[in-house]
Amino acid sequence: MPTREEIVTFHDAPVPPGASPWVEGAGPSPDVAVVPADPSWPARFEEIAAAVRGALGWRALAVEHVGSTSVPGLPAKPVIDVDLVVADPADEAAYVPALEAVGFVLRVREPWWHEHRLLRGAAPVSHVHVFGPDSPEVVRHRIFRDWLRGNPDERERYAAAKLAASAASTAAGEHGMQYNARKERVVREIYARAFAATGLT
């Protein structure tokens, strides 16, 4: 498990010189449209989780629904975010071929940032984020999800930030990473309150 300090400290590791997080042929998503909450999103997650668990068996140490589609009533980009925990994300041979065999495609490789990998699924549209058991990101994502689920005022604050970021990024012709950057300040403020409420800070 990560330490308390690791959980509350954001690791904004820059891309090393000459490196790229995108695998060949991939790049940032141009889709920044945020849509109203869809009550079918949890069921779509269950479809994805079943496919992941079916492909990996016991190698899937945890499969969690995270991100905005995991929070009832929260507007979101219609992409189901999933945290997948495996023993060693760097050992791609242990999980990537099995996931590719059921339709997922490796899009991101970030060994400098918690050994993060991202695979995209098409039906339902999903992002499967792969981390190891010691990654603080997995803990942070659960805290953020549960905090928004339990605090309607925070959920509304985040919804407003998401809609504003989506509108601004759409008008500017930006991609998904730039959309994320536009709402990052609000995200960090919400995290700070959640960390304090849980006793982590």
Protein backbone atom coordinates (compact mmCIF):
# COMPACT_ATOMS: atom_id res chain seq x y z
CA MET A 1 0.00 0.00 0.00
CA PRO A 2 1.18 3.57 -0.64
CA THR A 3 2.04 5.76 2.33
CA ARG A 4 -0.12 8.64 3.52
CA GLU A 5 2.40 11.11 2.12
CA GLU A 6 2.34 9.38 -1.28
CA ILE A 7 -1.46 9.50 -1.38
CA VAL A 8 -1.75 13.23 -0.66
CA THR A 9 1.20 14.28 -2.87
CA PHE A 10 0.50 14.70 -6.56
CA HIS A 11 3.22 13.31 -8.78
CA ASP A 12 3.20 15.45 -11.92
CA ALA A 13 6.15 13.72 -13.52
CA PRO A 14 7.17 15.40 -16.80
CA VAL A 15 7.61 13.33 -19.92
CA PRO A 16 11.32 12.48 -20.21
CA PRO A 17 13.15 14.14 -23.12
CA GLY A 18 12.59 12.21 -26.33
CA ALA A 19 9.82 10.07 -24.85
CA SER A 20 6.10 10.03 -25.57
CA PRO A 21 3.26 8.56 -23.51
CA TRP A 22 1.43 7.58 -26.68
CA VAL A 23 2.06 4.25 -28.33
CA GLU A 24 2.64 4.34 -32.06
CA GLY A 25 -0.46 5.54 -33.91
CA ALA A 26 -2.18 6.91 -30.77
CA GLY A 27 -2.66 10.43 -29.48
CA PRO A 28 -4.88 12.61 -27.29
CA SER A 29 -8.61 12.23 -27.79
CA PRO A 30 -10.27 15.17 -29.57
CA ASP A 31 -13.56 14.40 -27.80
CA VAL A 32 -14.13 16.89 -24.97
CA ALA A 33 -17.95 16.85 -24.97
CA VAL A 34 -19.53 16.41 -21.54
CA VAL A 35 -23.03 14.90 -21.53
CA PRO A 36 -25.70 14.54 -18.82
CA ALA A 37 -25.35 11.63 -16.42
CA ASP A 38 -26.53 8.33 -17.85
CA PRO A 39 -27.98 5.79 -15.38
CA SER A 40 -26.72 2.97 -17.64
CA TRP A 41 -23.06 3.77 -16.94
CA PRO A 42 -22.72 1.41 -13.92
CA ALA A 43 -24.10 -1.46 -16.00
CA ARG A 44 -21.62 -0.66 -18.77
CA PHE A 45 -18.83 -0.78 -16.22
CA GLU A 46 -19.97 -4.25 -15.16
CA GLU A 47 -19.72 -5.38 -18.80
CA ILE A 48 -16.18 -4.07 -19.01
CA ALA A 49 -15.19 -5.51 -15.64
CA ALA A 50 -16.52 -8.93 -16.64
CA ALA A 51 -14.48 -8.82 -19.85
CA VAL A 52 -11.32 -7.77 -17.98
CA ARG A 53 -11.74 -10.40 -15.28
CA GLY A 54 -12.58 -13.04 -17.86
CA ALA A 55 -9.42 -12.22 -19.79
CA LEU A 56 -7.05 -12.01 -16.82
CA GLY A 57 -8.52 -14.20 -14.11
CA TRP A 58 -6.59 -13.87 -10.85
CA ARG A 59 -4.09 -11.53 -12.51
CA ALA A 60 -6.72 -8.79 -12.11
CA LEU A 61 -6.04 -7.91 -8.46
CA ALA A 62 -8.72 -5.20 -8.51
CA VAL A 63 -11.12 -3.75 -11.08
CA GLU A 64 -12.75 -0.48 -9.98
CA HIS A 65 -15.22 1.91 -11.61
CA VAL A 66 -13.70 5.38 -11.20
CA GLY A 67 -13.98 8.79 -12.83
CA SER A 68 -17.09 10.83 -13.42
CA THR A 69 -19.22 8.01 -14.84
CA SER A 70 -18.90 6.27 -11.47
CA VAL A 71 -20.68 9.14 -9.66
CA PRO A 72 -24.50 9.11 -10.00
CA GLY A 73 -25.86 12.40 -11.30
CA LEU A 74 -22.51 13.77 -12.48
CA PRO A 75 -22.19 14.93 -16.11
CA ALA A 76 -19.27 13.28 -17.88
CA LYS A 77 -17.60 12.43 -21.12
CA PRO A 78 -19.31 9.14 -22.08
CA VAL A 79 -16.19 7.06 -21.49
CA ILE A 80 -16.15 4.52 -18.66
CA ASP A 81 -12.95 4.88 -16.61
CA VAL A 82 -11.67 1.71 -14.97
CA ASP A 83 -8.73 1.21 -12.63
CA LEU A 84 -7.14 -2.20 -13.13
CA VAL A 85 -4.54 -3.29 -10.59
CA VAL A 86 -2.03 -5.94 -11.65
CA ALA A 87 1.09 -7.25 -9.94
CA ASP A 88 3.51 -5.49 -12.32
CA PRO A 89 2.24 -3.01 -14.94
CA ALA A 90 5.68 -3.02 -16.57
CA ASP A 91 5.22 -6.72 -17.43
CA GLU A 92 2.92 -6.01 -20.37
CA ALA A 93 3.18 -9.58 -21.63
CA ALA A 94 1.29 -10.72 -18.53
CA TYR A 95 -1.88 -8.78 -19.35
CA VAL A 96 -1.83 -6.73 -22.59
CA PRO A 97 -2.19 -9.66 -25.08
CA ALA A 98 -5.06 -11.13 -23.04
CA LEU A 99 -6.88 -7.80 -22.99
CA GLU A 100 -6.20 -7.19 -26.67
CA ALA A 101 -7.77 -10.58 -27.41
CA VAL A 102 -11.08 -9.31 -26.01
CA GLY A 103 -11.01 -6.00 -27.84
CA PHE A 104 -8.91 -3.55 -25.81
CA VAL A 105 -6.11 -1.57 -27.47
CA LEU A 106 -3.00 -0.26 -25.73
CA ARG A 107 -2.87 3.51 -26.19
CA VAL A 108 -0.64 4.93 -23.43
CA ARG A 109 2.58 3.77 -21.80
CA GLU A 110 4.00 5.95 -18.98
CA PRO A 111 6.71 4.05 -17.08
CA TRP A 112 7.83 7.34 -15.46
CA TRP A 113 4.40 7.86 -13.83
CA HIS A 114 3.52 4.92 -11.56
CA GLU A 115 4.14 2.54 -14.52
CA HIS A 116 0.74 3.63 -15.85
CA ARG A 117 -0.68 1.99 -18.98
CA LEU A 118 -4.00 2.79 -20.64
CA LEU A 119 -6.02 0.52 -22.88
CA ARG A 120 -9.08 1.73 -24.74
CA GLY A 121 -12.19 -0.33 -25.26
CA ALA A 122 -14.73 0.37 -27.98
CA ALA A 123 -17.92 -1.34 -26.85
CA PRO A 124 -18.67 0.11 -24.35
CA VAL A 125 -16.23 2.97 -24.86
CA SER A 126 -13.80 2.76 -21.97
CA HIS A 127 -10.38 3.63 -20.65
CA VAL A 128 -8.73 0.90 -18.60
CA HIS A 129 -5.98 2.45 -16.48
CA VAL A 130 -3.42 -0.10 -15.33
CA PHE A 131 -1.51 0.45 -12.08
CA GLY A 132 0.40 -1.65 -9.59
CA PRO A 133 -0.74 -2.46 -6.03
CA ASP A 134 1.46 0.26 -4.54
CA SER A 135 0.21 3.09 -6.74
CA PRO A 136 -1.26 6.07 -4.84
CA GLU A 137 -3.40 6.90 -7.88
CA VAL A 138 -5.69 3.94 -7.21
CA VAL A 139 -6.34 5.12 -3.64
CA ARG A 140 -6.81 8.74 -4.74
CA HIS A 141 -9.33 7.78 -7.41
CA ARG A 142 -11.45 5.87 -4.88
CA ILE A 143 -11.34 8.75 -2.39
CA PHE A 144 -12.38 11.26 -5.06
CA ARG A 145 -15.21 9.03 -6.30
CA ASP A 146 -16.59 8.33 -2.84
CA TRP A 147 -16.26 11.96 -1.75
CA LEU A 148 -18.29 13.13 -4.74
CA ARG A 149 -20.87 10.41 -4.18
CA GLY A 150 -21.34 11.52 -0.59
CA ASN A 151 -21.21 15.31 -1.00
CA PRO A 152 -23.78 16.81 -3.41
CA ASP A 153 -22.31 20.31 -3.12
CA GLU A 154 -18.91 19.06 -4.22
CA ARG A 155 -20.53 17.08 -7.03
CA GLU A 156 -22.24 20.25 -8.28
CA ARG A 157 -19.02 22.25 -8.00
CA TYR A 158 -17.18 19.66 -10.06
CA ALA A 159 -20.01 19.44 -12.60
CA ALA A 160 -19.81 23.20 -13.16
CA ALA A 161 -16.04 23.00 -13.66
CA LYS A 162 -16.41 20.15 -16.13
CA LEU A 163 -19.06 21.90 -18.19
CA ALA A 164 -17.05 25.13 -18.28
CA ALA A 165 -13.87 23.27 -19.29
CA SER A 166 -15.73 21.36 -21.99
CA ALA A 167 -17.23 24.53 -23.46
CA ALA A 168 -13.91 26.36 -23.44
CA SER A 169 -11.96 23.44 -24.91
CA THR A 170 -14.59 22.89 -27.61
CA ALA A 171 -14.47 26.56 -28.59
CA ALA A 172 -10.68 26.50 -28.73
CA GLY A 173 -10.48 23.21 -30.66
CA GLU A 174 -8.51 21.55 -27.86
CA HIS A 175 -8.05 17.87 -27.03
CA GLY A 176 -8.77 15.82 -23.92
CA MET A 177 -5.51 16.59 -22.12
CA GLN A 178 -6.15 20.32 -22.42
CA TYR A 179 -9.70 19.81 -21.16
CA ASN A 180 -8.27 18.04 -18.10
CA ALA A 181 -5.84 20.90 -17.51
CA ARG A 182 -8.69 23.43 -17.51
CA LYS A 183 -10.44 21.71 -14.59
CA GLU A 184 -7.35 20.67 -12.67
CA ARG A 185 -7.47 23.54 -10.14
CA VAL A 186 -10.99 22.60 -9.03
CA VAL A 187 -10.04 18.92 -8.89
CA ARG A 188 -7.08 19.66 -6.60
CA GLU A 189 -9.26 21.86 -4.35
CA ILE A 190 -11.81 19.06 -4.00
CA TYR A 191 -9.06 16.56 -3.25
CA ALA A 192 -7.70 18.85 -0.52
CA ARG A 193 -11.06 18.91 1.25
CA ALA A 194 -11.48 15.15 0.85
CA PHE A 195 -8.00 14.47 2.24
CA ALA A 196 -8.71 16.71 5.24
CA ALA A 197 -12.10 15.08 5.90
CA THR A 198 -10.62 11.58 5.79
CA GLY A 199 -7.79 12.51 8.17
CA LEU A 200 -5.05 12.12 5.60
CA THR A 201 -3.95 15.76 6.06
